[in-house]
Amino acid sequence: MVFGAILALLAVTATAEAPTRGILNQPAPKWEVKQWFNLPEGKQALEVADFQNKVIYLYCFQSWCPGCHRHGFPTLQRVIKQFKDDPNVAIVAVQTAF
């Protein structure tokens, strides 16, 4: 997986065949984003709680990352096209920095 590719946090229900994986029944950590752009009117920041009962597609990238440009952004565009009108899906992109 290319650094900066899509993060997917999946919660899988435990069965006899599959052990419990993911973050099932754990509170999501707060996002530590210092500056947000293109927020909905009246919002100063986004919190995980803003998306309660939705699937969050979280894309983290770095603007200089060749893999992000080659693979990540095209994938993000396809996800946006497929889910932009789905009220149960939230798409959040975060540019990371070291």
C-alpha atoms as a PDB file:
ATOM      1  CA  MET A   1       0.000   0.000   0.000  1.00  0.00           C
ATOM      2  CA  VAL A   2       1.380   3.396  -0.983  1.00  0.00           C
ATOM      3  CA  PHE A   3       1.942   5.852   1.873  1.00  0.00           C
ATOM      4  CA  GLY A   4      -0.881   8.302   1.883  1.00  0.00           C
ATOM      5  CA  ALA A   5      -3.319   5.798   0.426  1.00  0.00           C
ATOM      6  CA  ILE A   6      -6.785   5.437   1.788  1.00  0.00           C
ATOM      7  CA  LEU A   7      -7.201   4.628   5.446  1.00  0.00           C
ATOM      8  CA  ALA A   8      -9.995   2.207   6.052  1.00  0.00           C
ATOM      9  CA  LEU A   9     -11.022   1.397   9.583  1.00  0.00           C
ATOM     10  CA  LEU A  10     -13.231  -1.642   9.495  1.00  0.00           C
ATOM     11  CA  ALA A  11     -15.102  -3.178  12.362  1.00  0.00           C
ATOM     12  CA  VAL A  12     -15.768  -6.862  11.792  1.00  0.00           C
ATOM     13  CA  THR A  13     -18.185  -8.756  13.991  1.00  0.00           C
ATOM     14  CA  ALA A  14     -16.617 -11.712  15.769  1.00  0.00           C
ATOM     15  CA  THR A  15     -17.685 -15.157  14.630  1.00  0.00           C
ATOM     16  CA  ALA A  16     -16.327 -18.627  15.215  1.00  0.00           C
ATOM     17  CA  GLU A  17     -14.355 -18.311  11.955  1.00  0.00           C
ATOM     18  CA  ALA A  18     -13.224 -14.672  12.244  1.00  0.00           C
ATOM     19  CA  PRO A  19     -11.688 -13.024  15.311  1.00  0.00           C
ATOM     20  CA  THR A  20     -12.699  -9.515  16.330  1.00  0.00           C
ATOM     21  CA  ARG A  21     -10.703  -6.953  14.373  1.00  0.00           C
ATOM     22  CA  GLY A  22     -10.711  -3.201  13.974  1.00  0.00           C
ATOM     23  CA  ILE A  23     -12.090  -0.663  16.409  1.00  0.00           C
ATOM     24  CA  LEU A  24     -15.480  -2.188  17.106  1.00  0.00           C
ATOM     25  CA  ASN A  25     -17.112  -0.589  20.152  1.00  0.00           C
ATOM     26  CA  GLN A  26     -14.183   1.777  20.694  1.00  0.00           C
ATOM     27  CA  PRO A  27     -14.615   5.556  20.567  1.00  0.00           C
ATOM     28  CA  ALA A  28     -12.914   7.120  17.563  1.00  0.00           C
ATOM     29  CA  PRO A  29      -9.975   9.354  18.465  1.00  0.00           C
ATOM     30  CA  LYS A  30     -10.283  13.128  18.022  1.00  0.00           C
ATOM     31  CA  TRP A  31      -8.824  14.541  14.846  1.00  0.00           C
ATOM     32  CA  GLU A  32      -5.835  16.751  15.491  1.00  0.00           C
ATOM     33  CA  VAL A  33      -6.174  18.994  12.447  1.00  0.00           C
ATOM     34  CA  LYS A  34      -4.838  22.508  12.922  1.00  0.00           C
ATOM     35  CA  GLN A  35      -6.417  24.176   9.893  1.00  0.00           C
ATOM     36  CA  TRP A  36      -9.526  23.256   7.893  1.00  0.00           C
ATOM     37  CA  PHE A  37     -10.589  24.491   4.439  1.00  0.00           C
ATOM     38  CA  ASN A  38     -13.898  24.304   2.563  1.00  0.00           C
ATOM     39  CA  LEU A  39     -15.989  23.700   5.660  1.00  0.00           C
ATOM     40  CA  PRO A  40     -19.771  23.925   5.669  1.00  0.00           C
ATOM     41  CA  GLU A  41     -21.052  27.388   6.484  1.00  0.00           C
ATOM     42  CA  GLY A  42     -20.832  28.179  10.194  1.00  0.00           C
ATOM     43  CA  LYS A  43     -18.288  25.430  10.961  1.00  0.00           C
ATOM     44  CA  GLN A  44     -14.808  26.210  12.287  1.00  0.00           C
ATOM     45  CA  ALA A  45     -13.616  22.596  12.456  1.00  0.00           C
ATOM     46  CA  LEU A  46     -14.757  19.030  11.876  1.00  0.00           C
ATOM     47  CA  GLU A  47     -15.074  16.394  14.559  1.00  0.00           C
ATOM     48  CA  VAL A  48     -15.679  12.679  14.215  1.00  0.00           C
ATOM     49  CA  ALA A  49     -18.966  13.204  16.085  1.00  0.00           C
ATOM     50  CA  ASP A  50     -20.190  15.394  13.197  1.00  0.00           C
ATOM     51  CA  PHE A  51     -20.548  12.198  11.177  1.00  0.00           C
ATOM     52  CA  GLN A  52     -22.365   9.998  13.669  1.00  0.00           C
ATOM     53  CA  ASN A  53     -24.065   7.010  11.998  1.00  0.00           C
ATOM     54  CA  LYS A  54     -22.212   7.613   8.720  1.00  0.00           C
ATOM     55  CA  VAL A  55     -19.395   5.822   7.009  1.00  0.00           C
ATOM     56  CA  ILE A  56     -16.382   8.159   6.919  1.00  0.00           C
ATOM     57  CA  TYR A  57     -14.074   7.798   3.950  1.00  0.00           C
ATOM     58  CA  LEU A  58     -10.904   9.420   5.288  1.00  0.00           C
ATOM     59  CA  TYR A  59      -8.196  10.172   2.743  1.00  0.00           C
ATOM     60  CA  CYS A  60      -4.843  11.388   4.086  1.00  0.00           C
ATOM     61  CA  PHE A  61      -2.266  12.644   1.633  1.00  0.00           C
ATOM     62  CA  GLN A  62       0.792  14.811   1.146  1.00  0.00           C
ATOM     63  CA  SER A  63       0.858  17.250  -1.754  1.00  0.00           C
ATOM     64  CA  TRP A  64       4.375  16.209  -2.814  1.00  0.00           C
ATOM     65  CA  CYS A  65       3.669  12.465  -2.729  1.00  0.00           C
ATOM     66  CA  PRO A  66       3.979  10.873  -6.209  1.00  0.00           C
ATOM     67  CA  GLY A  67       1.884   7.878  -5.107  1.00  0.00           C
ATOM     68  CA  CYS A  68      -0.896  10.178  -3.938  1.00  0.00           C
ATOM     69  CA  HIS A  69      -0.988  11.840  -7.355  1.00  0.00           C
ATOM     70  CA  ARG A  70      -0.649   8.594  -9.304  1.00  0.00           C
ATOM     71  CA  HIS A  71      -3.024   6.392  -7.280  1.00  0.00           C
ATOM     72  CA  GLY A  72      -4.667   8.201  -4.378  1.00  0.00           C
ATOM     73  CA  PHE A  73      -6.245  11.201  -6.085  1.00  0.00           C
ATOM     74  CA  PRO A  74      -7.719   9.182  -8.977  1.00  0.00           C
ATOM     75  CA  THR A  75      -9.183   6.758  -6.420  1.00  0.00           C
ATOM     76  CA  LEU A  76     -10.564   9.663  -4.390  1.00  0.00           C
ATOM     77  CA  GLN A  77     -12.209  11.084  -7.523  1.00  0.00           C
ATOM     78  CA  ARG A  78     -13.894   7.732  -8.209  1.00  0.00           C
ATOM     79  CA  VAL A  79     -15.117   7.518  -4.591  1.00  0.00           C
ATOM     80  CA  ILE A  80     -16.515  11.053  -4.766  1.00  0.00           C
ATOM     81  CA  LYS A  81     -18.290  10.277  -8.040  1.00  0.00           C
ATOM     82  CA  GLN A  82     -19.833   7.100  -6.614  1.00  0.00           C
ATOM     83  CA  PHE A  83     -20.841   8.369  -3.152  1.00  0.00           C
ATOM     84  CA  LYS A  84     -21.346  12.152  -3.507  1.00  0.00           C
ATOM     85  CA  ASP A  85     -25.133  11.851  -3.279  1.00  0.00           C
ATOM     86  CA  ASP A  86     -25.204   9.158  -0.570  1.00  0.00           C
ATOM     87  CA  PRO A  87     -26.350  10.760   2.712  1.00  0.00           C
ATOM     88  CA  ASN A  88     -24.814   7.870   4.694  1.00  0.00           C
ATOM     89  CA  VAL A  89     -21.263   8.504   3.471  1.00  0.00           C
ATOM     90  CA  ALA A  90     -18.953  11.380   4.426  1.00  0.00           C
ATOM     91  CA  ILE A  91     -15.745  12.008   2.480  1.00  0.00           C
ATOM     92  CA  VAL A  92     -12.959  13.852   4.320  1.00  0.00           C
ATOM     93  CA  ALA A  93      -9.509  14.592   2.856  1.00  0.00           C
ATOM     94  CA  VAL A  94      -6.655  15.653   5.123  1.00  0.00           C
ATOM     95  CA  GLN A  95      -3.279  16.878   3.904  1.00  0.00           C
ATOM     96  CA  THR A  96      -0.668  15.635   6.333  1.00  0.00           C
ATOM     97  CA  ALA A  97       2.742  17.107   7.072  1.00  0.00           C
ATOM     98  CA  PHE A  98       5.824  15.829   8.851  1.00  0.00           C
END
